[in-house]
Structure formats: structure tokens, C-alpha cells
Amino acid sequence: MIFTITGCKSVTTASGEKVPLFKGTIIYDVEIVNQVDTSFVKNKKALFGTEMYLTVFRNGDIQRKYNGASINGYDLYYINIEENKVLEKYNNSDSLYVHSASEQNVKKVNNLKVNDDKVTVLDRELKSVAIAAQNAPSINSKGDYVTIKYWYDDALKIHKSKYGKVNDDLLNYFLNESDGSLYLKYEIDYFTYKVIYTAIEILPNKFEKEKEKINETVPQVED
């Protein structure tokens, strides 16, 4: 199925083609691939759930909503562009965990060679960016190494200049590499397991805002 994206604003790609900016929601299937047989890895499905809804709002804010996660799993991830903040929420708490979007929680180490195999999602043949990276050290981790693969379609773009200060999850980096294109497939490999997001539906002008969970009355914890 081929989707037509409508909108009043557009961007011009490097090839000179005008492409409308995307606003709305993309629904992804979430797959966990175990690479070692441990109970720790088996519990990752409960952490990430079975579906993820990525919503790009008209003002540029981005929200990820996780469905099917356990009580201890992810609920919401929200980028507030105006305040340059990331707000995260888990199912077991009403509080929001807040940190600066400029903080770099993942550091690129080097580029990875991309194989020539064609990747097609929703009848769209995708381009890709692949890197080796290291998670930022924390109290519980010295900073694991990962590989990240980001597959995208040139026809599905957001305004990359809005995210120039958003280093969280290397968003600014990937949008620059893809010339503002959103991913339709995304894989992060922790070597003991992989998390793979694959788009299953694109819903232009469909917005999934969880207003009651991110309003000013909700307790916030500064990271």
C-alpha cells in the first residue's frame, strides 16, 4: 500500500524534489530477538511491549507511546521542542523523568558498512544509515557498546532544523544523515538481544497525545 502525505508545508531534498513535511502517527511492530538464552533477555519483551506509536505533532514535538509493555515497562517518551526537554514515563509510576534533550545518552563510535540487500517496508524501498555506538555510562553500567541501523524513505520527512539541539538517541545525527527522514525500520543491537521497530501503518494527521500524562500537574523528577 502506498500512502500520500498531505500538508501545506514542504522541504526540498538534496536532489531538488519538494516533499511535504509529515505530521501524524506511525505505528511500529516491536520485535525482540534473543541472542543469548537468559531470563534477563527474555524479560525485555515486557519492557518494550509489542507496538510503538511515534507521533510528530504540528509544533514539532515528538512522542513515542509503547503498548503491551508490563507494569515495569515503558509507557511514554516525549520530546518538548520549545523547552528542549525529554520526558519519560514508566507504567509503574505517574511521575515523569525529565532531562535536557541536548544531553548525549549515546555516542557514535564509527560508521558501519551497509550491505546491498534491499529493505522494503509498506511498499517503500528504504535507504539506511548504520553505526557502532556506546551508551553513556551510568550508575548501573559502564556504557555498553551497540550497533544502530536506521532505515528511511526520502518521501517521509520532518523539518530537521527543529531538532538541531536534540542529541538524545542521536536524533539530530540521524536526521542530518537522512536529510530529515523518519525511520520506517530501526534496529538497536545490544549483542545479547536486538530491538527491531518496523512500521506497519502510517497515519497522516492522526495525533496520539497523552495530555493527562504530561501536563504541568504531573510530578517531575529531574535526571
C-alpha atoms as a PDB file:
ATOM      1  CA  MET A   1       0.000   0.000   0.000  1.00  0.00           C
ATOM      2  CA  ILE A   2       1.362   3.422  -0.943  1.00  0.00           C
ATOM      3  CA  PHE A   3       0.463   6.415   1.225  1.00  0.00           C
ATOM      4  CA  THR A   4       0.127  10.004   0.066  1.00  0.00           C
ATOM      5  CA  ILE A   5       1.237  12.549   2.635  1.00  0.00           C
ATOM      6  CA  THR A   6      -0.645  15.826   2.540  1.00  0.00           C
ATOM      7  CA  GLY A   7       0.264  19.132   4.107  1.00  0.00           C
ATOM      8  CA  CYS A   8       0.746  22.799   3.390  1.00  0.00           C
ATOM      9  CA  LYS A   9       4.498  22.899   4.054  1.00  0.00           C
ATOM     10  CA  SER A  10       7.300  21.107   2.271  1.00  0.00           C
ATOM     11  CA  VAL A  11      11.055  20.771   2.186  1.00  0.00           C
ATOM     12  CA  THR A  12      13.369  20.445  -0.781  1.00  0.00           C
ATOM     13  CA  THR A  13      15.584  17.362  -0.839  1.00  0.00           C
ATOM     14  CA  ALA A  14      19.215  17.280  -1.943  1.00  0.00           C
ATOM     15  CA  SER A  15      18.015  16.148  -5.384  1.00  0.00           C
ATOM     16  CA  GLY A  16      15.756  19.217  -5.706  1.00  0.00           C
ATOM     17  CA  GLU A  17      12.466  17.397  -5.132  1.00  0.00           C
ATOM     18  CA  LYS A  18       9.828  19.078  -2.957  1.00  0.00           C
ATOM     19  CA  VAL A  19       8.457  16.768  -0.262  1.00  0.00           C
ATOM     20  CA  PRO A  20       5.639  17.665   2.167  1.00  0.00           C
ATOM     21  CA  LEU A  21       6.520  17.630   5.865  1.00  0.00           C
ATOM     22  CA  PHE A  22       4.969  14.752   7.791  1.00  0.00           C
ATOM     23  CA  LYS A  23       2.683  15.367  10.772  1.00  0.00           C
ATOM     24  CA  GLY A  24       0.831  12.458  12.353  1.00  0.00           C
ATOM     25  CA  THR A  25       1.482   8.974  13.706  1.00  0.00           C
ATOM     26  CA  ILE A  26       3.434   5.938  12.555  1.00  0.00           C
ATOM     27  CA  ILE A  27       2.653   2.579  14.183  1.00  0.00           C
ATOM     28  CA  TYR A  28       5.524   0.106  14.556  1.00  0.00           C
ATOM     29  CA  ASP A  29       5.672  -3.567  15.394  1.00  0.00           C
ATOM     30  CA  VAL A  30       8.241  -4.191  18.135  1.00  0.00           C
ATOM     31  CA  GLU A  31      10.310  -7.366  17.882  1.00  0.00           C
ATOM     32  CA  ILE A  32      12.828  -8.638  20.421  1.00  0.00           C
ATOM     33  CA  VAL A  33      15.436 -11.049  19.061  1.00  0.00           C
ATOM     34  CA  ASN A  34      17.204 -13.029  21.777  1.00  0.00           C
ATOM     35  CA  GLN A  35      20.866 -13.770  21.129  1.00  0.00           C
ATOM     36  CA  VAL A  36      21.608 -15.485  24.430  1.00  0.00           C
ATOM     37  CA  ASP A  37      19.352 -17.725  26.485  1.00  0.00           C
ATOM     38  CA  THR A  38      18.894 -15.907  29.793  1.00  0.00           C
ATOM     39  CA  SER A  39      15.885 -14.806  31.812  1.00  0.00           C
ATOM     40  CA  PHE A  40      17.217 -11.232  31.674  1.00  0.00           C
ATOM     41  CA  VAL A  41      16.865 -11.131  27.912  1.00  0.00           C
ATOM     42  CA  LYS A  42      13.505 -12.899  27.937  1.00  0.00           C
ATOM     43  CA  ASN A  43      12.136 -10.095  30.130  1.00  0.00           C
ATOM     44  CA  LYS A  44      12.953  -7.449  27.504  1.00  0.00           C
ATOM     45  CA  LYS A  45       9.667  -8.100  25.708  1.00  0.00           C
ATOM     46  CA  ALA A  46       7.883  -6.963  28.850  1.00  0.00           C
ATOM     47  CA  LEU A  47       9.980  -3.785  28.892  1.00  0.00           C
ATOM     48  CA  PHE A  48       9.377  -2.675  25.289  1.00  0.00           C
ATOM     49  CA  GLY A  49       5.899  -4.105  24.613  1.00  0.00           C
ATOM     50  CA  THR A  50       4.512  -5.208  21.259  1.00  0.00           C
ATOM     51  CA  GLU A  51       3.770  -1.921  19.454  1.00  0.00           C
ATOM     52  CA  MET A  52       5.142   1.604  19.442  1.00  0.00           C
ATOM     53  CA  TYR A  53       3.229   4.664  18.245  1.00  0.00           C
ATOM     54  CA  LEU A  54       5.504   7.502  17.091  1.00  0.00           C
ATOM     55  CA  THR A  55       3.669  10.821  16.776  1.00  0.00           C
ATOM     56  CA  VAL A  56       5.036  14.034  15.261  1.00  0.00           C
ATOM     57  CA  PHE A  57       2.902  16.980  16.350  1.00  0.00           C
ATOM     58  CA  ARG A  58       2.302  20.171  14.379  1.00  0.00           C
ATOM     59  CA  ASN A  59       4.653  22.152  16.635  1.00  0.00           C
ATOM     60  CA  GLY A  60       7.450  19.591  16.115  1.00  0.00           C
ATOM     61  CA  ASP A  61       7.147  17.769  19.441  1.00  0.00           C
ATOM     62  CA  ILE A  62       7.692  14.011  19.134  1.00  0.00           C
ATOM     63  CA  GLN A  63       6.063  11.323  21.266  1.00  0.00           C
ATOM     64  CA  ARG A  64       6.677   7.582  21.488  1.00  0.00           C
ATOM     65  CA  LYS A  65       3.892   5.557  23.109  1.00  0.00           C
ATOM     66  CA  TYR A  66       4.563   1.907  23.995  1.00  0.00           C
ATOM     67  CA  ASN A  67       1.714  -0.620  24.000  1.00  0.00           C
ATOM     68  CA  GLY A  68       1.766  -4.092  25.515  1.00  0.00           C
ATOM     69  CA  ALA A  69       4.587  -3.464  27.996  1.00  0.00           C
ATOM     70  CA  SER A  70       4.402  -4.839  31.540  1.00  0.00           C
ATOM     71  CA  ILE A  71       3.789  -2.812  34.700  1.00  0.00           C
ATOM     72  CA  ASN A  72       7.545  -2.197  34.879  1.00  0.00           C
ATOM     73  CA  GLY A  73       7.861  -1.408  31.175  1.00  0.00           C
ATOM     74  CA  TYR A  74       7.967   1.773  29.107  1.00  0.00           C
ATOM     75  CA  ASP A  75       4.867   3.930  28.739  1.00  0.00           C
ATOM     76  CA  LEU A  76       5.811   7.278  27.158  1.00  0.00           C
ATOM     77  CA  TYR A  77       8.768   9.162  25.722  1.00  0.00           C
ATOM     78  CA  TYR A  78       8.173  12.808  24.786  1.00  0.00           C
ATOM     79  CA  ILE A  79      10.431  15.473  23.245  1.00  0.00           C
ATOM     80  CA  ASN A  80       9.328  19.017  24.095  1.00  0.00           C
ATOM     81  CA  ILE A  81      10.966  21.141  21.396  1.00  0.00           C
ATOM     82  CA  GLU A  82      10.216  24.559  22.929  1.00  0.00           C
ATOM     83  CA  GLU A  83      11.783  23.655  26.279  1.00  0.00           C
ATOM     84  CA  ASN A  84      14.380  21.311  24.743  1.00  0.00           C
ATOM     85  CA  LYS A  85      13.484  18.580  27.238  1.00  0.00           C
ATOM     86  CA  VAL A  86      12.858  14.849  27.143  1.00  0.00           C
ATOM     87  CA  LEU A  87      10.092  13.469  29.368  1.00  0.00           C
ATOM     88  CA  GLU A  88       9.925   9.732  30.042  1.00  0.00           C
ATOM     89  CA  LYS A  89       7.315   7.684  31.873  1.00  0.00           C
ATOM     90  CA  TYR A  90       7.085   4.067  33.012  1.00  0.00           C
ATOM     91  CA  ASN A  91       3.872   2.116  33.607  1.00  0.00           C
ATOM     92  CA  ASN A  92       4.591   1.652  37.301  1.00  0.00           C
ATOM     93  CA  SER A  93       4.700   5.385  38.083  1.00  0.00           C
ATOM     94  CA  ASP A  94       2.727   8.559  37.405  1.00  0.00           C
ATOM     95  CA  SER A  95       5.905  10.649  37.584  1.00  0.00           C
ATOM     96  CA  LEU A  96       7.785  11.964  34.571  1.00  0.00           C
ATOM     97  CA  TYR A  97      11.564  11.619  34.407  1.00  0.00           C
ATOM     98  CA  VAL A  98      12.949  14.750  32.764  1.00  0.00           C
ATOM     99  CA  HIS A  99      16.334  15.621  31.272  1.00  0.00           C
ATOM    100  CA  SER A 100      17.773  18.014  28.713  1.00  0.00           C
ATOM    101  CA  ALA A 101      17.324  16.912  25.105  1.00  0.00           C
ATOM    102  CA  SER A 102      20.855  18.205  24.429  1.00  0.00           C
ATOM    103  CA  GLU A 103      22.404  15.526  26.633  1.00  0.00           C
ATOM    104  CA  GLN A 104      24.041  12.779  24.600  1.00  0.00           C
ATOM    105  CA  ASN A 105      22.982   9.405  26.001  1.00  0.00           C
ATOM    106  CA  VAL A 106      24.567   7.570  23.060  1.00  0.00           C
ATOM    107  CA  LYS A 107      27.918   8.380  21.448  1.00  0.00           C
ATOM    108  CA  LYS A 108      28.725   7.442  17.862  1.00  0.00           C
ATOM    109  CA  VAL A 109      31.935   5.400  17.553  1.00  0.00           C
ATOM    110  CA  ASN A 110      32.156   4.791  13.816  1.00  0.00           C
ATOM    111  CA  ASN A 111      30.175   4.109  10.649  1.00  0.00           C
ATOM    112  CA  LEU A 112      29.269   0.565   9.673  1.00  0.00           C
ATOM    113  CA  LYS A 113      29.249  -0.818   6.159  1.00  0.00           C
ATOM    114  CA  VAL A 114      25.702  -1.240   4.863  1.00  0.00           C
ATOM    115  CA  ASN A 115      25.038  -4.373   2.826  1.00  0.00           C
ATOM    116  CA  ASP A 116      23.339  -4.223  -0.553  1.00  0.00           C
ATOM    117  CA  ASP A 117      20.241  -6.197   0.459  1.00  0.00           C
ATOM    118  CA  LYS A 118      17.056  -4.303  -0.364  1.00  0.00           C
ATOM    119  CA  VAL A 119      14.824  -3.473   2.602  1.00  0.00           C
ATOM    120  CA  THR A 120      11.185  -2.709   1.812  1.00  0.00           C
ATOM    121  CA  VAL A 121       8.583  -1.595   4.342  1.00  0.00           C
ATOM    122  CA  LEU A 122       4.995  -0.689   3.404  1.00  0.00           C
ATOM    123  CA  ASP A 123       5.919  -0.973  -0.279  1.00  0.00           C
ATOM    124  CA  ARG A 124       8.673   1.615   0.166  1.00  0.00           C
ATOM    125  CA  GLU A 125      12.263   0.733  -0.707  1.00  0.00           C
ATOM    126  CA  LEU A 126      14.410   2.178   2.045  1.00  0.00           C
ATOM    127  CA  LYS A 127      17.850   3.722   2.358  1.00  0.00           C
ATOM    128  CA  SER A 128      19.904   3.202   5.505  1.00  0.00           C
ATOM    129  CA  VAL A 129      22.434   4.551   7.982  1.00  0.00           C
ATOM    130  CA  ALA A 130      24.351   2.178  10.264  1.00  0.00           C
ATOM    131  CA  ILE A 131      26.742   2.977  13.112  1.00  0.00           C
ATOM    132  CA  ALA A 132      28.560   1.478  16.049  1.00  0.00           C
ATOM    133  CA  ALA A 133      27.900   3.418  19.246  1.00  0.00           C
ATOM    134  CA  GLN A 134      28.365   3.410  23.000  1.00  0.00           C
ATOM    135  CA  ASN A 135      25.719   4.131  25.599  1.00  0.00           C
ATOM    136  CA  ALA A 136      26.637   6.770  28.145  1.00  0.00           C
ATOM    137  CA  PRO A 137      27.975   5.334  31.424  1.00  0.00           C
ATOM    138  CA  SER A 138      25.513   5.249  34.330  1.00  0.00           C
ATOM    139  CA  ILE A 139      25.372   4.101  37.944  1.00  0.00           C
ATOM    140  CA  ASN A 140      24.438   0.594  36.789  1.00  0.00           C
ATOM    141  CA  SER A 141      26.501   0.370  33.604  1.00  0.00           C
ATOM    142  CA  LYS A 142      29.952   1.272  32.323  1.00  0.00           C
ATOM    143  CA  GLY A 143      28.412   2.056  28.937  1.00  0.00           C
ATOM    144  CA  ASP A 144      27.523  -0.848  26.661  1.00  0.00           C
ATOM    145  CA  TYR A 145      28.518  -0.903  23.007  1.00  0.00           C
ATOM    146  CA  VAL A 146      25.676  -1.240  20.494  1.00  0.00           C
ATOM    147  CA  THR A 147      25.056  -1.095  16.776  1.00  0.00           C
ATOM    148  CA  ILE A 148      22.210   1.002  15.399  1.00  0.00           C
ATOM    149  CA  LYS A 149      20.615   0.708  11.959  1.00  0.00           C
ATOM    150  CA  TYR A 150      18.214   3.363  10.702  1.00  0.00           C
ATOM    151  CA  TRP A 151      16.221   2.657   7.524  1.00  0.00           C
ATOM    152  CA  TYR A 152      14.273   5.510   5.949  1.00  0.00           C
ATOM    153  CA  ASP A 153      12.292   6.721   2.929  1.00  0.00           C
ATOM    154  CA  ASP A 154      13.189  10.085   1.374  1.00  0.00           C
ATOM    155  CA  ALA A 155       9.470  10.845   0.953  1.00  0.00           C
ATOM    156  CA  LEU A 156       8.743  10.798   4.704  1.00  0.00           C
ATOM    157  CA  LYS A 157      10.364  13.903   6.137  1.00  0.00           C
ATOM    158  CA  ILE A 158      10.148  16.245   9.112  1.00  0.00           C
ATOM    159  CA  HIS A 159      11.863  19.636   9.496  1.00  0.00           C
ATOM    160  CA  LYS A 160      15.343  18.549  10.616  1.00  0.00           C
ATOM    161  CA  SER A 161      16.383  22.079  11.630  1.00  0.00           C
ATOM    162  CA  LYS A 162      13.924  21.937  14.553  1.00  0.00           C
ATOM    163  CA  TYR A 163      15.937  19.142  16.139  1.00  0.00           C
ATOM    164  CA  GLY A 164      19.407  20.647  15.949  1.00  0.00           C
ATOM    165  CA  LYS A 165      19.746  20.566  19.751  1.00  0.00           C
ATOM    166  CA  VAL A 166      18.178  17.119  20.271  1.00  0.00           C
ATOM    167  CA  ASN A 167      21.090  14.764  20.887  1.00  0.00           C
ATOM    168  CA  ASP A 168      19.041  12.215  22.844  1.00  0.00           C
ATOM    169  CA  ASP A 169      19.122   8.853  20.997  1.00  0.00           C
ATOM    170  CA  LEU A 170      21.262  10.629  18.370  1.00  0.00           C
ATOM    171  CA  LEU A 171      18.124  12.064  16.780  1.00  0.00           C
ATOM    172  CA  ASN A 172      19.904  15.131  15.382  1.00  0.00           C
ATOM    173  CA  TYR A 173      22.623  12.922  13.878  1.00  0.00           C
ATOM    174  CA  PHE A 174      20.228  10.526  12.134  1.00  0.00           C
ATOM    175  CA  LEU A 175      18.005  13.313  10.799  1.00  0.00           C
ATOM    176  CA  ASN A 176      21.052  15.034   9.323  1.00  0.00           C
ATOM    177  CA  GLU A 177      22.307  11.798   7.767  1.00  0.00           C
ATOM    178  CA  SER A 178      18.868  11.043   6.276  1.00  0.00           C
ATOM    179  CA  ASP A 179      18.175  14.661   5.274  1.00  0.00           C
ATOM    180  CA  GLY A 180      15.228  14.878   7.688  1.00  0.00           C
ATOM    181  CA  SER A 181      13.689  11.467   7.008  1.00  0.00           C
ATOM    182  CA  LEU A 182      11.946   9.490   9.737  1.00  0.00           C
ATOM    183  CA  TYR A 183      12.825   5.831  10.133  1.00  0.00           C
ATOM    184  CA  LEU A 184      10.423   3.149   8.946  1.00  0.00           C
ATOM    185  CA  LYS A 185      12.651   0.458  10.386  1.00  0.00           C
ATOM    186  CA  TYR A 186      15.057   0.852  13.296  1.00  0.00           C
ATOM    187  CA  GLU A 187      17.279  -1.737  14.937  1.00  0.00           C
ATOM    188  CA  ILE A 188      19.435  -1.440  18.028  1.00  0.00           C
ATOM    189  CA  ASP A 189      21.645  -4.436  18.742  1.00  0.00           C
ATOM    190  CA  TYR A 190      22.926  -4.899  22.302  1.00  0.00           C
ATOM    191  CA  PHE A 191      24.686  -8.148  21.239  1.00  0.00           C
ATOM    192  CA  THR A 192      22.735 -10.154  23.815  1.00  0.00           C
ATOM    193  CA  TYR A 193      19.462  -9.079  22.198  1.00  0.00           C
ATOM    194  CA  LYS A 194      18.129  -6.830  19.441  1.00  0.00           C
ATOM    195  CA  VAL A 195      15.139  -4.490  19.448  1.00  0.00           C
ATOM    196  CA  ILE A 196      13.635  -4.005  15.984  1.00  0.00           C
ATOM    197  CA  TYR A 197      10.913  -1.468  15.151  1.00  0.00           C
ATOM    198  CA  THR A 198       9.148  -1.964  11.806  1.00  0.00           C
ATOM    199  CA  ALA A 199       6.419   0.393  10.573  1.00  0.00           C
ATOM    200  CA  ILE A 200       3.074  -1.300   9.938  1.00  0.00           C
ATOM    201  CA  GLU A 201       0.856   1.747   9.369  1.00  0.00           C
ATOM    202  CA  ILE A 202       1.293   5.447   8.544  1.00  0.00           C
ATOM    203  CA  LEU A 203      -1.462   7.791   9.714  1.00  0.00           C
ATOM    204  CA  PRO A 204      -1.013  11.387   8.475  1.00  0.00           C
ATOM    205  CA  ASN A 205      -2.728  13.999  10.683  1.00  0.00           C
ATOM    206  CA  LYS A 206      -3.541  11.405  13.357  1.00  0.00           C
ATOM    207  CA  PHE A 207      -2.278  12.564  16.750  1.00  0.00           C
ATOM    208  CA  GLU A 208      -1.942  10.346  19.827  1.00  0.00           C
ATOM    209  CA  LYS A 209      -1.237  12.877  22.559  1.00  0.00           C
ATOM    210  CA  GLU A 210      -1.391  11.618  26.143  1.00  0.00           C
ATOM    211  CA  LYS A 211      -2.299  15.014  27.614  1.00  0.00           C
ATOM    212  CA  GLU A 212      -3.241  13.757  31.058  1.00  0.00           C
ATOM    213  CA  LYS A 213       0.148  12.078  31.480  1.00  0.00           C
ATOM    214  CA  ILE A 214       2.375  15.014  30.542  1.00  0.00           C
ATOM    215  CA  ASN A 215       0.537  18.090  31.800  1.00  0.00           C
ATOM    216  CA  GLU A 216       2.036  20.525  34.317  1.00  0.00           C
ATOM    217  CA  THR A 217       0.322  18.888  37.306  1.00  0.00           C
ATOM    218  CA  VAL A 218       2.188  15.595  36.856  1.00  0.00           C
ATOM    219  CA  PRO A 219       5.149  15.167  39.271  1.00  0.00           C
ATOM    220  CA  GLN A 220       8.518  15.540  37.546  1.00  0.00           C
ATOM    221  CA  VAL A 221      11.841  14.034  38.534  1.00  0.00           C
ATOM    222  CA  GLU A 222      14.921  15.724  37.140  1.00  0.00           C
ATOM    223  CA  ASP A 223      17.540  13.229  35.978  1.00  0.00           C
END
